[in-house]
Amino acid sequence: MASIAAVGATSWGTTLSIILARQGHRVRLLARTDDEARALESERENSRFVPGFRFPDSMRAVSDPAAALDSADLIVFAVPSQTLRDNARSVSRWIPGGCVVVSAAKGLELSSGRRMSEALAEEMPPRARERICALSGPNLSSEIVRGMLASTVIASRSADAARTAQSIFNSNVFRVYTNEDIVGVELCGALKNIIALGAGICDGMRLGDNAKSAFMTRGLAEVARLGAAAGASPSTVSGLAGIGDLVATCSSTLSRNHYVGEQLAAGRTLDEIRAGMHNVAEGVDTTHAALDLAARLGVEMPIAEATRDIMFGGVSVPRAIQRLMGREPRSE
């Protein structure tokens, strides 16, 4: 069995820790503070983010990075995308040589437009940079922690690192595939959250299944265009990290980004919505970062632009829809 450190006592970090510990791996969940670690250990569950699911015996919550990362075979970063760099920097000195580093965050860094693996590489010691992976797919954490069937993708430029991570994560309820296209896997995971915001708006406005299907399809075309311009493989978009994750996130009431879209359609402001959420809807900040990247690469993304205008530009939902529908007709 492997020794694993999970950085981030988030919903996803806790869920991944639980399913890995259920397989018998030794898991250390790194909390932000001593008080948080003590509370997690005392309750033996994360009552804030994953209530009702006991920690397996081989899982412990700690606050000391040295203790969490000591002799780790694999380190998972499951923190919000905008804090990933700071978290990586704070623990980098304790990362052991030869371990595999997995990003489980789905987003783009707002300040730089970096993908998560790029931000990690800039903060990792040289010995860890070549073994960075990204985990992404249709992975709603509240289903996975219940043991419901799911699949995911682990991508890395190092085939050996990807296979190592695959062998650790794979189980009879969580099927793991590998992929060498880390650019495509990460971009799909980040950009589908933008489309999910709009899908939530579609549902909130009761626009119907035809409209939502068309919206998701044209949104996927934007993901594919930006991915191709950034060097991603077209086949990744049609896989689990692309259309698979898009369908789950745009369709499920468990999706945070879908929820934000529904609330925007109901007339609530973004600040009001965020204030009432315990978790982060990654698509919000990723919209800015994605459009900055699209501008640099010369890629048109009208759906992402409309979503940004609703959230930050004072444009009403009906007006944004009117603009999209009024665009010049063209060949698909």
Protein backbone atom coordinates (compact mmCIF):
# COMPACT_ATOMS: atom_id res chain seq x y z
CA MET A 1 0.00 0.00 0.00
CA ALA A 2 1.09 3.57 -0.74
CA SER A 3 1.79 6.48 1.59
CA ILE A 4 -0.24 9.51 0.50
CA ALA A 5 -0.43 13.16 1.52
CA ALA A 6 -3.52 15.19 0.61
CA VAL A 7 -3.09 18.96 0.75
CA GLY A 8 -6.45 20.58 1.41
CA ALA A 9 -9.28 19.56 3.74
CA THR A 10 -11.79 20.65 1.09
CA SER A 11 -14.75 18.59 -0.12
CA TRP A 12 -12.63 17.10 -2.88
CA GLY A 13 -9.49 16.71 -0.79
CA THR A 14 -11.43 14.93 1.95
CA THR A 15 -13.29 12.74 -0.55
CA LEU A 16 -10.11 11.64 -2.30
CA SER A 17 -8.48 10.95 1.06
CA ILE A 18 -11.42 8.79 2.16
CA ILE A 19 -11.59 6.70 -1.02
CA LEU A 20 -7.82 6.17 -0.99
CA ALA A 21 -7.85 5.18 2.68
CA ARG A 22 -10.72 2.77 2.00
CA GLN A 23 -8.32 0.93 -0.31
CA GLY A 24 -5.89 0.55 2.58
CA HIS A 25 -3.46 3.31 1.66
CA ARG A 26 -1.89 5.34 4.47
CA VAL A 27 -3.35 8.85 4.05
CA ARG A 28 -2.42 12.08 5.81
CA LEU A 29 -4.86 14.94 5.19
CA LEU A 30 -3.09 18.26 5.66
CA ALA A 31 -5.37 20.83 7.32
CA ARG A 32 -4.73 24.57 7.39
CA THR A 33 -4.45 24.99 11.16
CA ASP A 34 -3.87 23.04 14.35
CA ASP A 35 -7.46 23.68 15.41
CA GLU A 36 -8.84 22.35 12.12
CA ALA A 37 -6.72 19.22 12.32
CA ARG A 38 -7.74 18.58 15.94
CA ALA A 39 -11.42 18.99 15.08
CA LEU A 40 -11.15 16.60 12.13
CA GLU A 41 -9.37 14.03 14.26
CA SER A 42 -11.77 14.41 17.16
CA GLU A 43 -14.88 13.99 14.99
CA ARG A 44 -13.22 11.52 12.59
CA GLU A 45 -15.13 13.18 9.77
CA ASN A 46 -15.20 16.50 7.94
CA SER A 47 -18.56 17.71 9.24
CA ARG A 48 -18.32 20.97 7.34
CA PHE A 49 -17.65 19.69 3.83
CA VAL A 50 -18.30 15.92 3.85
CA PRO A 51 -20.67 15.29 6.75
CA GLY A 52 -21.72 11.78 7.62
CA PHE A 53 -18.67 9.96 6.21
CA ARG A 54 -16.26 8.56 8.77
CA PHE A 55 -12.54 8.58 8.16
CA PRO A 56 -11.13 5.08 7.62
CA ASP A 57 -8.61 3.88 10.19
CA SER A 58 -5.66 4.47 7.87
CA MET A 59 -6.51 8.16 7.44
CA ARG A 60 -5.30 10.92 9.74
CA ALA A 61 -5.70 14.71 9.73
CA VAL A 62 -2.55 16.68 10.56
CA SER A 63 -1.42 20.31 10.42
CA ASP A 64 2.34 19.75 10.19
CA PRO A 65 3.50 19.61 6.54
CA ALA A 66 6.63 17.69 7.50
CA ALA A 67 4.54 14.97 9.14
CA ALA A 68 2.04 14.86 6.26
CA LEU A 69 4.58 14.63 3.46
CA ASP A 70 7.17 12.43 5.16
CA SER A 71 7.97 9.44 2.90
CA ALA A 72 4.93 10.17 0.70
CA ASP A 73 4.71 8.16 -2.51
CA LEU A 74 2.03 10.49 -3.85
CA ILE A 75 0.91 14.01 -2.95
CA VAL A 76 -2.51 15.32 -3.98
CA PHE A 77 -3.24 19.03 -4.12
CA ALA A 78 -7.01 19.48 -3.75
CA VAL A 79 -7.34 23.18 -3.01
CA PRO A 80 -9.07 26.02 -4.88
CA SER A 81 -7.17 26.93 -8.03
CA GLN A 82 -6.46 30.49 -6.87
CA THR A 83 -4.72 29.24 -3.72
CA LEU A 84 -2.87 26.30 -5.25
CA ARG A 85 0.39 28.19 -5.83
CA ASP A 86 0.56 29.42 -2.23
CA ASN A 87 -0.20 25.95 -0.91
CA ALA A 88 2.48 24.40 -3.12
CA ARG A 89 5.03 26.99 -2.05
CA SER A 90 4.28 26.40 1.63
CA VAL A 91 5.01 22.65 1.48
CA SER A 92 7.57 22.39 -1.32
CA ARG A 93 10.58 22.00 0.98
CA TRP A 94 9.15 18.75 2.40
CA ILE A 95 8.34 17.04 -0.91
CA PRO A 96 10.39 13.84 -1.03
CA GLY A 97 12.34 12.84 -4.10
CA GLY A 98 10.68 10.37 -6.44
CA CYS A 99 7.11 11.02 -5.32
CA VAL A 100 4.26 11.70 -7.73
CA VAL A 101 2.50 15.07 -7.42
CA VAL A 102 -1.16 15.23 -8.51
CA SER A 103 -3.19 18.36 -9.06
CA ALA A 104 -6.89 17.74 -8.44
CA ALA A 105 -7.84 21.41 -8.91
CA LYS A 106 -9.81 22.52 -11.98
CA GLY A 107 -9.09 26.08 -12.95
CA LEU A 108 -6.69 28.62 -14.41
CA GLU A 109 -4.63 30.94 -12.26
CA LEU A 110 -6.27 34.36 -12.43
CA SER A 111 -3.07 36.40 -12.17
CA SER A 112 -1.12 34.51 -14.85
CA GLY A 113 -3.47 32.25 -16.82
CA ARG A 114 -1.29 29.29 -15.84
CA ARG A 115 -2.71 25.79 -15.75
CA MET A 116 -2.47 24.12 -12.38
CA SER A 117 0.41 21.84 -13.34
CA GLU A 118 2.35 24.87 -14.59
CA ALA A 119 1.81 26.72 -11.30
CA LEU A 120 2.89 23.61 -9.39
CA ALA A 121 6.02 23.17 -11.50
CA GLU A 122 7.09 26.73 -10.75
CA GLU A 123 6.87 26.06 -7.00
CA MET A 124 8.14 22.46 -6.88
CA PRO A 125 11.75 21.43 -6.26
CA PRO A 126 13.45 20.25 -9.48
CA ARG A 127 13.25 16.60 -8.41
CA ALA A 128 9.41 16.72 -8.44
CA ARG A 129 8.71 18.72 -11.60
CA GLU A 130 8.91 15.81 -14.01
CA ARG A 131 6.38 13.73 -12.05
CA ILE A 132 3.46 16.17 -11.95
CA CYS A 133 0.03 14.85 -12.97
CA ALA A 134 -3.46 16.28 -13.33
CA LEU A 135 -6.59 14.42 -12.26
CA SER A 136 -9.80 15.42 -14.02
CA GLY A 137 -13.09 13.98 -15.22
CA PRO A 138 -16.81 13.75 -14.38
CA ASN A 139 -16.16 13.55 -10.66
CA LEU A 140 -18.90 14.94 -8.43
CA SER A 141 -17.40 14.44 -4.97
CA SER A 142 -20.66 13.77 -3.13
CA GLU A 143 -21.33 10.78 -5.40
CA ILE A 144 -17.79 9.45 -5.23
CA VAL A 145 -17.61 9.50 -1.42
CA ARG A 146 -20.79 7.38 -1.42
CA GLY A 147 -18.99 4.73 -3.46
CA MET A 148 -21.03 5.38 -6.60
CA LEU A 149 -19.37 4.35 -9.86
CA ALA A 150 -17.17 6.94 -11.55
CA SER A 151 -14.21 7.30 -13.90
CA THR A 152 -11.46 9.86 -14.14
CA VAL A 153 -8.32 10.70 -16.13
CA ILE A 154 -4.80 11.17 -14.82
CA ALA A 155 -2.62 13.05 -17.29
CA SER A 156 1.10 13.64 -17.24
CA ARG A 157 4.01 14.13 -19.58
CA SER A 158 5.64 11.31 -17.61
CA ALA A 159 3.96 8.04 -18.54
CA ASP A 160 5.56 6.39 -15.52
CA ALA A 161 4.14 9.02 -13.13
CA ALA A 162 0.67 8.68 -14.66
CA ARG A 163 0.74 4.89 -14.35
CA THR A 164 1.91 5.12 -10.74
CA ALA A 165 -0.94 7.47 -9.86
CA GLN A 166 -3.37 5.27 -11.80
CA SER A 167 -2.35 2.18 -9.84
CA ILE A 168 -2.91 4.03 -6.55
CA PHE A 169 -6.27 5.61 -7.36
CA ASN A 170 -7.89 2.86 -9.43
CA SER A 171 -10.49 0.67 -7.70
CA ASN A 172 -13.58 -1.37 -8.53
CA VAL A 173 -15.74 1.76 -8.15
CA PHE A 174 -13.32 4.45 -9.40
CA ARG A 175 -11.92 3.56 -12.80
CA VAL A 176 -8.83 5.54 -13.81
CA TYR A 177 -7.49 6.15 -17.31
CA THR A 178 -4.15 7.73 -18.23
CA ASN A 179 -3.51 10.39 -20.84
CA GLU A 180 -0.32 12.09 -22.06
CA ASP A 181 -2.20 15.28 -23.02
CA ILE A 182 -1.96 17.18 -19.75
CA VAL A 183 -2.64 20.48 -21.55
CA GLY A 184 -5.96 19.24 -22.93
CA VAL A 185 -7.05 17.49 -19.74
CA GLU A 186 -6.42 20.57 -17.62
CA LEU A 187 -7.99 23.01 -20.05
CA CYS A 188 -11.09 20.85 -20.42
CA GLY A 189 -11.43 20.60 -16.64
CA ALA A 190 -11.12 24.35 -16.23
CA LEU A 191 -13.18 25.57 -19.17
CA LYS A 192 -16.18 23.27 -18.70
CA ASN A 193 -16.89 25.17 -15.47
CA ILE A 194 -17.55 28.30 -17.53
CA ILE A 195 -20.02 26.41 -19.70
CA ALA A 196 -21.66 24.99 -16.56
CA LEU A 197 -22.35 28.53 -15.33
CA GLY A 198 -24.26 29.17 -18.55
CA ALA A 199 -26.03 25.80 -18.37
CA GLY A 200 -27.27 26.77 -14.94
CA ILE A 201 -28.55 30.02 -16.40
CA CYS A 202 -30.37 28.03 -19.10
CA ASP A 203 -32.08 25.91 -16.46
CA GLY A 204 -32.79 28.89 -14.23
CA MET A 205 -34.44 30.73 -17.13
CA ARG A 206 -36.41 27.61 -18.14
CA LEU A 207 -35.09 27.90 -21.69
CA GLY A 208 -35.76 24.24 -22.45
CA ASP A 209 -33.72 21.20 -23.47
CA ASN A 210 -33.14 22.33 -27.07
CA ALA A 211 -31.57 25.58 -25.94
CA LYS A 212 -29.46 23.92 -23.25
CA SER A 213 -28.23 21.21 -25.62
CA ALA A 214 -27.26 23.81 -28.21
CA PHE A 215 -25.57 25.90 -25.54
CA MET A 216 -23.51 22.97 -24.25
CA THR A 217 -22.50 21.95 -27.78
CA ARG A 218 -21.40 25.43 -28.78
CA GLY A 219 -19.66 25.80 -25.43
CA LEU A 220 -17.73 22.62 -26.12
CA ALA A 221 -16.70 24.12 -29.45
CA GLU A 222 -15.15 27.04 -27.56
CA VAL A 223 -13.29 24.63 -25.30
CA ALA A 224 -12.00 22.78 -28.36
CA ARG A 225 -10.87 25.98 -30.11
CA LEU A 226 -8.93 27.29 -27.15
CA GLY A 227 -7.51 23.85 -26.43
CA ALA A 228 -6.27 23.46 -30.02
CA ALA A 229 -4.66 26.89 -29.95
CA ALA A 230 -2.89 25.99 -26.69
CA GLY A 231 -1.57 22.69 -28.09
CA ALA A 232 -4.14 20.22 -26.75
CA SER A 233 -5.14 17.07 -28.62
CA PRO A 234 -8.63 17.20 -30.21
CA SER A 235 -9.33 13.68 -28.95
CA THR A 236 -9.13 14.84 -25.33
CA VAL A 237 -12.18 17.04 -25.79
CA SER A 238 -14.26 14.02 -26.77
CA GLY A 239 -13.10 11.99 -23.74
CA LEU A 240 -13.88 11.86 -20.04
CA ALA A 241 -12.01 15.07 -19.25
CA GLY A 242 -13.87 16.90 -22.00
CA ILE A 243 -17.42 16.01 -22.91
CA GLY A 244 -17.70 13.58 -19.97
CA ASP A 245 -17.00 16.25 -17.39
CA LEU A 246 -19.04 18.81 -19.33
CA VAL A 247 -22.17 16.64 -19.26
CA ALA A 248 -21.89 15.94 -15.53
CA THR A 249 -21.19 19.53 -14.53
CA CYS A 250 -23.81 21.09 -16.78
CA SER A 251 -26.54 18.60 -15.86
CA SER A 252 -26.20 17.88 -12.15
CA THR A 253 -27.77 19.83 -9.32
CA LEU A 254 -24.66 18.86 -7.34
CA SER A 255 -22.53 21.15 -9.52
CA ARG A 256 -21.47 24.38 -7.81
CA ASN A 257 -21.04 26.22 -11.10
CA HIS A 258 -24.47 25.13 -12.31
CA TYR A 259 -25.90 26.39 -9.02
CA VAL A 260 -24.27 29.80 -9.48
CA GLY A 261 -25.77 30.05 -12.97
CA GLU A 262 -29.24 29.20 -11.68
CA GLN A 263 -28.96 31.85 -8.99
CA LEU A 264 -27.78 34.46 -11.51
CA ALA A 265 -30.86 33.67 -13.58
CA ALA A 266 -32.98 34.26 -10.47
CA GLY A 267 -31.62 37.80 -10.27
CA ARG A 268 -29.14 37.42 -7.40
CA THR A 269 -25.80 39.16 -7.61
CA LEU A 270 -22.56 37.23 -7.76
CA ASP A 271 -21.47 38.65 -4.41
CA GLU A 272 -24.71 37.46 -2.78
CA ILE A 273 -24.34 33.99 -4.26
CA ARG A 274 -20.71 33.60 -3.23
CA ALA A 275 -21.39 34.79 0.30
CA GLY A 276 -23.83 31.94 0.82
CA MET A 277 -21.55 29.16 -0.49
CA HIS A 278 -19.17 27.02 1.56
CA ASN A 279 -17.30 25.85 -1.54
CA VAL A 280 -15.69 27.64 -4.47
CA ALA A 281 -17.30 27.76 -7.92
CA GLU A 282 -14.12 27.61 -9.98
CA GLY A 283 -15.73 28.83 -13.19
CA VAL A 284 -16.16 32.37 -11.87
CA ASP A 285 -12.48 33.34 -11.74
CA THR A 286 -11.56 30.97 -14.56
CA THR A 287 -13.79 32.99 -16.91
CA HIS A 288 -11.45 35.98 -16.62
CA ALA A 289 -8.31 33.86 -16.96
CA ALA A 290 -9.68 31.94 -19.95
CA LEU A 291 -10.63 35.09 -21.83
CA ASP A 292 -7.20 36.59 -21.18
CA LEU A 293 -5.64 33.42 -22.58
CA ALA A 294 -8.04 33.44 -25.54
CA ALA A 295 -7.07 37.04 -26.33
CA ARG A 296 -3.38 36.14 -26.32
CA LEU A 297 -4.00 33.18 -28.63
CA GLY A 298 -6.48 34.95 -30.90
CA VAL A 299 -9.42 32.65 -30.09
CA GLU A 300 -13.05 33.79 -30.17
CA MET A 301 -15.16 32.74 -27.14
CA PRO A 302 -18.54 34.51 -27.27
CA ILE A 303 -20.18 32.25 -24.67
CA ALA A 304 -17.41 32.88 -22.15
CA GLU A 305 -17.65 36.60 -22.92
CA ALA A 306 -21.41 36.60 -22.33
CA THR A 307 -20.93 34.76 -19.03
CA ARG A 308 -18.32 37.28 -17.91
CA ASP A 309 -20.57 40.19 -18.89
CA ILE A 310 -23.43 38.80 -16.78
CA MET A 311 -21.23 38.22 -13.73
CA PHE A 312 -19.03 41.31 -13.88
CA GLY A 313 -20.24 43.66 -16.61
CA GLY A 314 -23.71 44.53 -15.43
CA VAL A 315 -25.36 42.89 -18.45
CA SER A 316 -28.73 41.29 -17.72
CA VAL A 317 -29.30 37.63 -18.51
CA PRO A 318 -31.99 38.37 -21.14
CA ARG A 319 -29.72 40.92 -22.82
CA ALA A 320 -26.77 38.50 -22.91
CA ILE A 321 -28.99 35.80 -24.44
CA GLN A 322 -30.25 38.28 -27.02
CA ARG A 323 -26.68 39.16 -27.99
CA LEU A 324 -25.71 35.51 -28.45
CA MET A 325 -28.78 34.70 -30.51
CA GLY A 326 -28.31 37.83 -32.60
CA ARG A 327 -24.79 36.99 -33.74
CA GLU A 328 -24.18 36.73 -37.49
CA PRO A 329 -25.15 33.25 -38.73
CA ARG A 330 -22.26 31.11 -39.93
CA SER A 331 -21.21 27.59 -40.89
CA GLU A 332 -20.85 25.14 -38.05
